[in-house]
Amino acid sequence: MSTSPPLPALGLVCITASDQVRFRTLTRKRLLQLGSDEQLRVLGELYQENLRRLDRAIDYCLEHGIRLYRLSSALFPFADERLGGQVLATFAEPLGQAGERASRAGLRLVVHPDQYVVLNSDDPAVIENAVKVLIHHARVLDLMGQPRSPWALIEIHGGKANRSERLIEQIALLPDSVRLRLGLENDEYAYRACEIYEICCQSGVPMVFDAHHHVIAEQLTSYDDPSVGQMLACARSTWPVPQ
């Protein structure tokens, strides 16, 4: 009697196609039109509302048997800046409660900052901003009581092409709150799966294998191509504890 292999465990990326899991946002233009006191009030109300919606997102995941949730990188707009950071600090308790609730239920929380987070740019200002954004995401995960390990993954791409050595150097300089959670993902433009694998081996961070990016980058005709399974196995080998 043959048995089918177990189906992969799927996660939820930020929002649902319906309105069940959605978050509010705020443009910089709108924020700068306000006085400092008004900015504090507006950001406080926005963060509070998005925390309520995060609770609903956790509810949704638990109700549907989803065991991994990728937090929106825009969950707390401008919290990587001084004013927003001050406001975020006032929500330490509810953030901790949300994180504890997710942990008790076995719901894994991860984050994928946007494509503009480039650690190996030729422009020092771009690197400085990338580090600032990563530290913000690590702070949110810390406030939520999430482990400083790839279980609470902060996932980024390789950044600027042909700068692998610079990327490895910059990863080594990251604070533990970021570096211990960091993972690198292949893409179809700058860093193919085999290249990201080598960087991960040298930098000591795990690889996140994206089969879709791999198929496009290698111009494959099918996901059944042997290289898909081979690169998945390579990625798995970079995780001290496969997660």
C-alpha atoms as a PDB file:
ATOM      1  CA  MET A   1       0.000   0.000   0.000  1.00  0.00           C
ATOM      2  CA  SER A   2       1.524   3.280  -1.120  1.00  0.00           C
ATOM      3  CA  THR A   3       1.197   6.466   0.849  1.00  0.00           C
ATOM      4  CA  SER A   4       1.297   9.962  -0.562  1.00  0.00           C
ATOM      5  CA  PRO A   5       4.030  12.297   0.684  1.00  0.00           C
ATOM      6  CA  PRO A   6       2.823  14.933   3.133  1.00  0.00           C
ATOM      7  CA  LEU A   7       1.688  18.191   1.637  1.00  0.00           C
ATOM      8  CA  PRO A   8       3.884  21.224   2.295  1.00  0.00           C
ATOM      9  CA  ALA A   9       2.826  23.509   5.125  1.00  0.00           C
ATOM     10  CA  LEU A  10       1.712  26.789   3.596  1.00  0.00           C
ATOM     11  CA  GLY A  11       1.900  30.216   5.205  1.00  0.00           C
ATOM     12  CA  LEU A  12       0.033  33.483   4.797  1.00  0.00           C
ATOM     13  CA  VAL A  13       1.837  36.443   3.257  1.00  0.00           C
ATOM     14  CA  CYS A  14       0.756  39.676   4.972  1.00  0.00           C
ATOM     15  CA  ILE A  15      -2.845  39.995   3.766  1.00  0.00           C
ATOM     16  CA  THR A  16      -5.718  37.969   2.355  1.00  0.00           C
ATOM     17  CA  ALA A  17      -7.317  38.445  -1.049  1.00  0.00           C
ATOM     18  CA  SER A  18     -10.481  39.342   0.844  1.00  0.00           C
ATOM     19  CA  ASP A  19     -10.726  42.140   3.395  1.00  0.00           C
ATOM     20  CA  GLN A  20     -10.312  39.764   6.348  1.00  0.00           C
ATOM     21  CA  VAL A  21      -6.630  40.591   6.840  1.00  0.00           C
ATOM     22  CA  ARG A  22      -5.745  44.150   5.832  1.00  0.00           C
ATOM     23  CA  PHE A  23      -3.697  46.950   7.386  1.00  0.00           C
ATOM     24  CA  ARG A  24      -3.918  50.722   7.387  1.00  0.00           C
ATOM     25  CA  THR A  25      -1.115  52.865   6.056  1.00  0.00           C
ATOM     26  CA  LEU A  26      -0.034  56.498   5.892  1.00  0.00           C
ATOM     27  CA  THR A  27       1.929  58.429   3.284  1.00  0.00           C
ATOM     28  CA  ARG A  28       4.954  60.533   4.179  1.00  0.00           C
ATOM     29  CA  LYS A  29       3.341  63.519   2.473  1.00  0.00           C
ATOM     30  CA  ARG A  30       0.308  63.270   4.738  1.00  0.00           C
ATOM     31  CA  LEU A  31       2.457  62.839   7.862  1.00  0.00           C
ATOM     32  CA  LEU A  32       4.606  65.877   7.080  1.00  0.00           C
ATOM     33  CA  GLN A  33       1.526  68.043   6.688  1.00  0.00           C
ATOM     34  CA  LEU A  34       0.855  67.596  10.410  1.00  0.00           C
ATOM     35  CA  GLY A  35       2.396  69.304  13.416  1.00  0.00           C
ATOM     36  CA  SER A  36       4.549  67.224  15.766  1.00  0.00           C
ATOM     37  CA  ASP A  37       1.780  66.652  18.335  1.00  0.00           C
ATOM     38  CA  GLU A  38      -0.634  65.669  15.599  1.00  0.00           C
ATOM     39  CA  GLN A  39       1.947  63.303  14.109  1.00  0.00           C
ATOM     40  CA  LEU A  40       2.243  61.541  17.464  1.00  0.00           C
ATOM     41  CA  ARG A  41      -1.527  61.200  17.723  1.00  0.00           C
ATOM     42  CA  VAL A  42      -2.000  59.958  14.158  1.00  0.00           C
ATOM     43  CA  LEU A  43       0.824  57.428  14.399  1.00  0.00           C
ATOM     44  CA  GLY A  44      -0.461  56.210  17.762  1.00  0.00           C
ATOM     45  CA  GLU A  45      -3.949  55.655  16.380  1.00  0.00           C
ATOM     46  CA  LEU A  46      -2.554  53.949  13.285  1.00  0.00           C
ATOM     47  CA  TYR A  47      -0.320  51.585  15.257  1.00  0.00           C
ATOM     48  CA  GLN A  48      -3.146  50.745  17.650  1.00  0.00           C
ATOM     49  CA  GLU A  49      -5.490  49.945  14.773  1.00  0.00           C
ATOM     50  CA  ASN A  50      -2.891  47.826  12.991  1.00  0.00           C
ATOM     51  CA  LEU A  51      -2.251  45.923  16.214  1.00  0.00           C
ATOM     52  CA  ARG A  52      -5.961  45.107  16.370  1.00  0.00           C
ATOM     53  CA  ARG A  53      -5.788  43.948  12.779  1.00  0.00           C
ATOM     54  CA  LEU A  54      -2.691  41.889  13.556  1.00  0.00           C
ATOM     55  CA  ASP A  55      -4.701  40.108  16.238  1.00  0.00           C
ATOM     56  CA  ARG A  56      -7.336  39.367  13.600  1.00  0.00           C
ATOM     57  CA  ALA A  57      -4.622  38.085  11.258  1.00  0.00           C
ATOM     58  CA  ILE A  58      -3.434  35.706  13.986  1.00  0.00           C
ATOM     59  CA  ASP A  59      -7.053  34.606  14.488  1.00  0.00           C
ATOM     60  CA  TYR A  60      -7.376  33.962  10.755  1.00  0.00           C
ATOM     61  CA  CYS A  61      -4.207  31.854  10.662  1.00  0.00           C
ATOM     62  CA  LEU A  62      -5.272  29.761  13.634  1.00  0.00           C
ATOM     63  CA  GLU A  63      -8.790  29.240  12.284  1.00  0.00           C
ATOM     64  CA  HIS A  64      -7.421  28.017   8.940  1.00  0.00           C
ATOM     65  CA  GLY A  65      -4.609  25.852  10.255  1.00  0.00           C
ATOM     66  CA  ILE A  66      -1.913  28.198   8.944  1.00  0.00           C
ATOM     67  CA  ARG A  67       1.346  27.777  10.880  1.00  0.00           C
ATOM     68  CA  LEU A  68       3.443  30.601   9.421  1.00  0.00           C
ATOM     69  CA  TYR A  69       2.542  34.254   9.026  1.00  0.00           C
ATOM     70  CA  ARG A  70       4.680  36.815   7.228  1.00  0.00           C
ATOM     71  CA  LEU A  71       4.218  40.150   8.938  1.00  0.00           C
ATOM     72  CA  SER A  72       3.677  43.139   6.686  1.00  0.00           C
ATOM     73  CA  SER A  73       6.842  45.213   6.396  1.00  0.00           C
ATOM     74  CA  ALA A  74       4.554  48.264   6.567  1.00  0.00           C
ATOM     75  CA  LEU A  75       2.803  47.186   9.771  1.00  0.00           C
ATOM     76  CA  PHE A  76       4.106  50.252  11.635  1.00  0.00           C
ATOM     77  CA  PRO A  77       4.848  53.003   9.089  1.00  0.00           C
ATOM     78  CA  PHE A  78       7.756  55.315   9.994  1.00  0.00           C
ATOM     79  CA  ALA A  79       8.616  53.292  13.108  1.00  0.00           C
ATOM     80  CA  ASP A  80      12.193  53.068  11.817  1.00  0.00           C
ATOM     81  CA  GLU A  81      12.450  56.837  12.381  1.00  0.00           C
ATOM     82  CA  ARG A  82      12.791  58.724  15.673  1.00  0.00           C
ATOM     83  CA  LEU A  83       9.183  59.846  16.111  1.00  0.00           C
ATOM     84  CA  GLY A  84       7.642  56.569  15.008  1.00  0.00           C
ATOM     85  CA  GLY A  85      10.099  54.650  17.152  1.00  0.00           C
ATOM     86  CA  GLN A  86       8.983  56.588  20.210  1.00  0.00           C
ATOM     87  CA  VAL A  87       5.357  55.804  19.456  1.00  0.00           C
ATOM     88  CA  LEU A  88       6.090  52.123  18.861  1.00  0.00           C
ATOM     89  CA  ALA A  89       7.758  51.855  22.280  1.00  0.00           C
ATOM     90  CA  THR A  90       4.424  52.680  23.929  1.00  0.00           C
ATOM     91  CA  PHE A  91       2.940  49.508  22.408  1.00  0.00           C
ATOM     92  CA  ALA A  92       5.488  47.126  23.914  1.00  0.00           C
ATOM     93  CA  GLU A  93       2.899  45.364  26.085  1.00  0.00           C
ATOM     94  CA  PRO A  94       0.292  44.570  23.387  1.00  0.00           C
ATOM     95  CA  LEU A  95       3.070  43.582  20.982  1.00  0.00           C
ATOM     96  CA  GLY A  96       4.412  41.170  23.570  1.00  0.00           C
ATOM     97  CA  GLN A  97       0.934  39.747  24.113  1.00  0.00           C
ATOM     98  CA  ALA A  98       0.413  39.231  20.367  1.00  0.00           C
ATOM     99  CA  GLY A  99       3.770  37.504  20.034  1.00  0.00           C
ATOM    100  CA  GLU A 100       3.132  35.275  23.048  1.00  0.00           C
ATOM    101  CA  ARG A 101      -0.255  34.287  21.657  1.00  0.00           C
ATOM    102  CA  ALA A 102       1.288  33.339  18.318  1.00  0.00           C
ATOM    103  CA  SER A 103       4.076  31.382  20.012  1.00  0.00           C
ATOM    104  CA  ARG A 104       1.671  29.446  22.247  1.00  0.00           C
ATOM    105  CA  ALA A 105      -0.312  28.418  19.189  1.00  0.00           C
ATOM    106  CA  GLY A 106       2.797  27.366  17.262  1.00  0.00           C
ATOM    107  CA  LEU A 107       2.351  30.152  14.722  1.00  0.00           C
ATOM    108  CA  ARG A 108       5.683  31.197  13.269  1.00  0.00           C
ATOM    109  CA  LEU A 109       6.178  34.918  12.574  1.00  0.00           C
ATOM    110  CA  VAL A 110       8.597  36.065   9.860  1.00  0.00           C
ATOM    111  CA  VAL A 111       9.206  39.247   7.882  1.00  0.00           C
ATOM    112  CA  HIS A 112      10.437  40.082   4.368  1.00  0.00           C
ATOM    113  CA  PRO A 113      11.587  43.729   4.064  1.00  0.00           C
ATOM    114  CA  ASP A 114      11.143  45.335   0.653  1.00  0.00           C
ATOM    115  CA  GLN A 115      13.575  45.165  -2.258  1.00  0.00           C
ATOM    116  CA  TYR A 116      15.180  48.501  -1.389  1.00  0.00           C
ATOM    117  CA  VAL A 117      16.962  46.923   1.578  1.00  0.00           C
ATOM    118  CA  VAL A 118      20.373  46.484  -0.070  1.00  0.00           C
ATOM    119  CA  LEU A 119      23.340  45.671   2.150  1.00  0.00           C
ATOM    120  CA  ASN A 120      25.955  45.625  -0.614  1.00  0.00           C
ATOM    121  CA  SER A 121      25.227  48.880  -2.432  1.00  0.00           C
ATOM    122  CA  ASP A 122      28.074  51.073  -3.667  1.00  0.00           C
ATOM    123  CA  ASP A 123      26.360  53.942  -1.846  1.00  0.00           C
ATOM    124  CA  PRO A 124      27.059  53.989   1.916  1.00  0.00           C
ATOM    125  CA  ALA A 125      23.800  55.873   2.508  1.00  0.00           C
ATOM    126  CA  VAL A 126      21.827  53.000   0.971  1.00  0.00           C
ATOM    127  CA  ILE A 127      23.583  50.512   3.239  1.00  0.00           C
ATOM    128  CA  GLU A 128      22.968  52.724   6.269  1.00  0.00           C
ATOM    129  CA  ASN A 129      19.262  52.898   5.456  1.00  0.00           C
ATOM    130  CA  ALA A 130      19.114  49.132   4.882  1.00  0.00           C
ATOM    131  CA  VAL A 131      20.630  48.474   8.301  1.00  0.00           C
ATOM    132  CA  LYS A 132      18.189  50.931   9.888  1.00  0.00           C
ATOM    133  CA  VAL A 133      15.222  49.134   8.338  1.00  0.00           C
ATOM    134  CA  LEU A 134      16.524  45.720   9.387  1.00  0.00           C
ATOM    135  CA  ILE A 135      17.086  46.901  12.954  1.00  0.00           C
ATOM    136  CA  HIS A 136      13.497  48.169  13.031  1.00  0.00           C
ATOM    137  CA  HIS A 137      12.118  44.779  11.971  1.00  0.00           C
ATOM    138  CA  ALA A 138      14.336  43.050  14.522  1.00  0.00           C
ATOM    139  CA  ARG A 139      13.027  45.421  17.183  1.00  0.00           C
ATOM    140  CA  VAL A 140       9.426  44.516  16.352  1.00  0.00           C
ATOM    141  CA  LEU A 141      10.275  40.816  16.615  1.00  0.00           C
ATOM    142  CA  ASP A 142      12.071  41.466  19.910  1.00  0.00           C
ATOM    143  CA  LEU A 143       9.064  43.347  21.275  1.00  0.00           C
ATOM    144  CA  MET A 144       6.918  40.382  20.256  1.00  0.00           C
ATOM    145  CA  GLY A 145       9.182  38.058  22.210  1.00  0.00           C
ATOM    146  CA  GLN A 146      10.283  36.128  19.142  1.00  0.00           C
ATOM    147  CA  PRO A 147      13.551  34.164  19.259  1.00  0.00           C
ATOM    148  CA  ARG A 148      16.756  35.558  17.853  1.00  0.00           C
ATOM    149  CA  SER A 149      17.054  32.707  15.396  1.00  0.00           C
ATOM    150  CA  PRO A 150      15.906  31.961  11.828  1.00  0.00           C
ATOM    151  CA  TRP A 151      12.645  30.694  13.325  1.00  0.00           C
ATOM    152  CA  ALA A 152      11.722  34.395  13.389  1.00  0.00           C
ATOM    153  CA  LEU A 153      13.195  34.929   9.939  1.00  0.00           C
ATOM    154  CA  ILE A 154      14.147  38.297   8.467  1.00  0.00           C
ATOM    155  CA  GLU A 155      14.420  37.449   4.783  1.00  0.00           C
ATOM    156  CA  ILE A 156      16.139  39.610   2.159  1.00  0.00           C
ATOM    157  CA  HIS A 157      17.504  39.234  -1.359  1.00  0.00           C
ATOM    158  CA  GLY A 158      21.154  39.478  -2.338  1.00  0.00           C
ATOM    159  CA  GLY A 159      20.939  43.089  -3.458  1.00  0.00           C
ATOM    160  CA  LYS A 160      23.368  44.528  -5.978  1.00  0.00           C
ATOM    161  CA  ALA A 161      24.731  42.009  -8.467  1.00  0.00           C
ATOM    162  CA  ASN A 162      28.389  40.981  -8.396  1.00  0.00           C
ATOM    163  CA  ARG A 163      28.870  42.211  -4.836  1.00  0.00           C
ATOM    164  CA  SER A 164      28.827  38.912  -2.958  1.00  0.00           C
ATOM    165  CA  GLU A 165      31.986  39.607  -0.945  1.00  0.00           C
ATOM    166  CA  ARG A 166      30.641  42.974   0.143  1.00  0.00           C
ATOM    167  CA  LEU A 167      27.367  41.335   1.166  1.00  0.00           C
ATOM    168  CA  ILE A 168      29.207  38.764   3.291  1.00  0.00           C
ATOM    169  CA  GLU A 169      31.224  41.543   4.939  1.00  0.00           C
ATOM    170  CA  GLN A 170      28.125  43.593   5.746  1.00  0.00           C
ATOM    171  CA  ILE A 171      26.253  40.609   7.170  1.00  0.00           C
ATOM    172  CA  ALA A 172      29.101  40.041   9.633  1.00  0.00           C
ATOM    173  CA  LEU A 173      28.732  43.648  10.848  1.00  0.00           C
ATOM    174  CA  LEU A 174      25.008  43.413  11.591  1.00  0.00           C
ATOM    175  CA  PRO A 175      23.826  43.456  15.213  1.00  0.00           C
ATOM    176  CA  ASP A 176      22.871  40.062  16.628  1.00  0.00           C
ATOM    177  CA  SER A 177      19.176  40.989  16.680  1.00  0.00           C
ATOM    178  CA  VAL A 178      19.296  41.063  12.871  1.00  0.00           C
ATOM    179  CA  ARG A 179      22.112  38.696  11.936  1.00  0.00           C
ATOM    180  CA  LEU A 180      20.854  35.764  13.997  1.00  0.00           C
ATOM    181  CA  ARG A 181      17.480  35.972  12.236  1.00  0.00           C
ATOM    182  CA  LEU A 182      18.709  36.751   8.728  1.00  0.00           C
ATOM    183  CA  GLY A 183      18.057  34.573   5.688  1.00  0.00           C
ATOM    184  CA  LEU A 184      18.889  35.156   2.010  1.00  0.00           C
ATOM    185  CA  GLU A 185      16.594  34.370  -0.911  1.00  0.00           C
ATOM    186  CA  ASN A 186      17.513  33.797  -4.541  1.00  0.00           C
ATOM    187  CA  ASP A 187      15.968  35.948  -7.274  1.00  0.00           C
ATOM    188  CA  GLU A 188      15.745  35.922 -11.054  1.00  0.00           C
ATOM    189  CA  TYR A 189      17.911  38.970 -11.715  1.00  0.00           C
ATOM    190  CA  ALA A 190      20.978  39.497  -9.523  1.00  0.00           C
ATOM    191  CA  TYR A 191      21.615  36.289  -7.562  1.00  0.00           C
ATOM    192  CA  ARG A 192      20.701  32.842  -8.817  1.00  0.00           C
ATOM    193  CA  ALA A 193      20.027  30.055  -6.349  1.00  0.00           C
ATOM    194  CA  CYS A 194      23.509  28.547  -6.683  1.00  0.00           C
ATOM    195  CA  GLU A 195      25.068  31.962  -5.978  1.00  0.00           C
ATOM    196  CA  ILE A 196      22.930  32.648  -2.914  1.00  0.00           C
ATOM    197  CA  TYR A 197      23.752  29.167  -1.660  1.00  0.00           C
ATOM    198  CA  GLU A 198      27.481  29.930  -1.772  1.00  0.00           C
ATOM    199  CA  ILE A 199      26.961  33.260   0.004  1.00  0.00           C
ATOM    200  CA  CYS A 200      24.899  31.557   2.706  1.00  0.00           C
ATOM    201  CA  CYS A 201      27.573  28.916   3.237  1.00  0.00           C
ATOM    202  CA  GLN A 202      30.256  31.584   3.615  1.00  0.00           C
ATOM    203  CA  SER A 203      28.227  33.967   5.789  1.00  0.00           C
ATOM    204  CA  GLY A 204      26.601  31.348   8.001  1.00  0.00           C
ATOM    205  CA  VAL A 205      23.020  32.429   7.325  1.00  0.00           C
ATOM    206  CA  PRO A 206      20.302  30.094   5.999  1.00  0.00           C
ATOM    207  CA  MET A 207      19.057  30.137   2.430  1.00  0.00           C
ATOM    208  CA  VAL A 208      15.411  30.569   1.478  1.00  0.00           C
ATOM    209  CA  PHE A 209      14.881  28.818  -1.847  1.00  0.00           C
ATOM    210  CA  ASP A 210      12.299  30.361  -4.168  1.00  0.00           C
ATOM    211  CA  ALA A 211      11.503  27.781  -6.839  1.00  0.00           C
ATOM    212  CA  HIS A 212       9.633  30.314  -8.988  1.00  0.00           C
ATOM    213  CA  HIS A 213      12.626  32.676  -9.128  1.00  0.00           C
ATOM    214  CA  HIS A 214      14.858  29.684  -9.883  1.00  0.00           C
ATOM    215  CA  VAL A 215      12.730  28.467 -12.782  1.00  0.00           C
ATOM    216  CA  ILE A 216      12.741  31.942 -14.331  1.00  0.00           C
ATOM    217  CA  ALA A 217      16.447  32.607 -13.752  1.00  0.00           C
ATOM    218  CA  GLU A 218      17.483  29.260 -15.240  1.00  0.00           C
ATOM    219  CA  GLN A 219      14.867  29.442 -18.027  1.00  0.00           C
ATOM    220  CA  LEU A 220      13.474  26.057 -17.086  1.00  0.00           C
ATOM    221  CA  THR A 221      10.337  24.631 -18.644  1.00  0.00           C
ATOM    222  CA  SER A 222       9.047  22.838 -15.557  1.00  0.00           C
ATOM    223  CA  TYR A 223       9.189  22.807 -11.772  1.00  0.00           C
ATOM    224  CA  ASP A 224       9.955  19.096 -12.162  1.00  0.00           C
ATOM    225  CA  ASP A 225      13.433  19.925 -13.436  1.00  0.00           C
ATOM    226  CA  PRO A 226      15.979  18.027 -11.282  1.00  0.00           C
ATOM    227  CA  SER A 227      17.762  21.255 -10.349  1.00  0.00           C
ATOM    228  CA  VAL A 228      14.698  22.394  -8.369  1.00  0.00           C
ATOM    229  CA  GLY A 229      14.987  19.471  -5.983  1.00  0.00           C
ATOM    230  CA  GLN A 230      18.763  19.779  -5.900  1.00  0.00           C
ATOM    231  CA  MET A 231      18.684  23.459  -4.925  1.00  0.00           C
ATOM    232  CA  LEU A 232      15.972  22.796  -2.348  1.00  0.00           C
ATOM    233  CA  ALA A 233      18.256  20.207  -0.758  1.00  0.00           C
ATOM    234  CA  CYS A 234      21.145  22.689  -0.833  1.00  0.00           C
ATOM    235  CA  ALA A 235      19.008  25.337   0.849  1.00  0.00           C
ATOM    236  CA  ARG A 236      17.889  22.868   3.507  1.00  0.00           C
ATOM    237  CA  SER A 237      21.505  22.037   4.311  1.00  0.00           C
ATOM    238  CA  THR A 238      22.175  25.673   5.309  1.00  0.00           C
ATOM    239  CA  TRP A 239      19.667  25.481   8.177  1.00  0.00           C
ATOM    240  CA  PRO A 240      21.148  24.171  11.439  1.00  0.00           C
ATOM    241  CA  VAL A 241      17.610  23.108  12.316  1.00  0.00           C
ATOM    242  CA  PRO A 242      15.482  22.798   9.136  1.00  0.00           C
ATOM    243  CA  GLN A 243      12.440  25.013   9.680  1.00  0.00           C
END
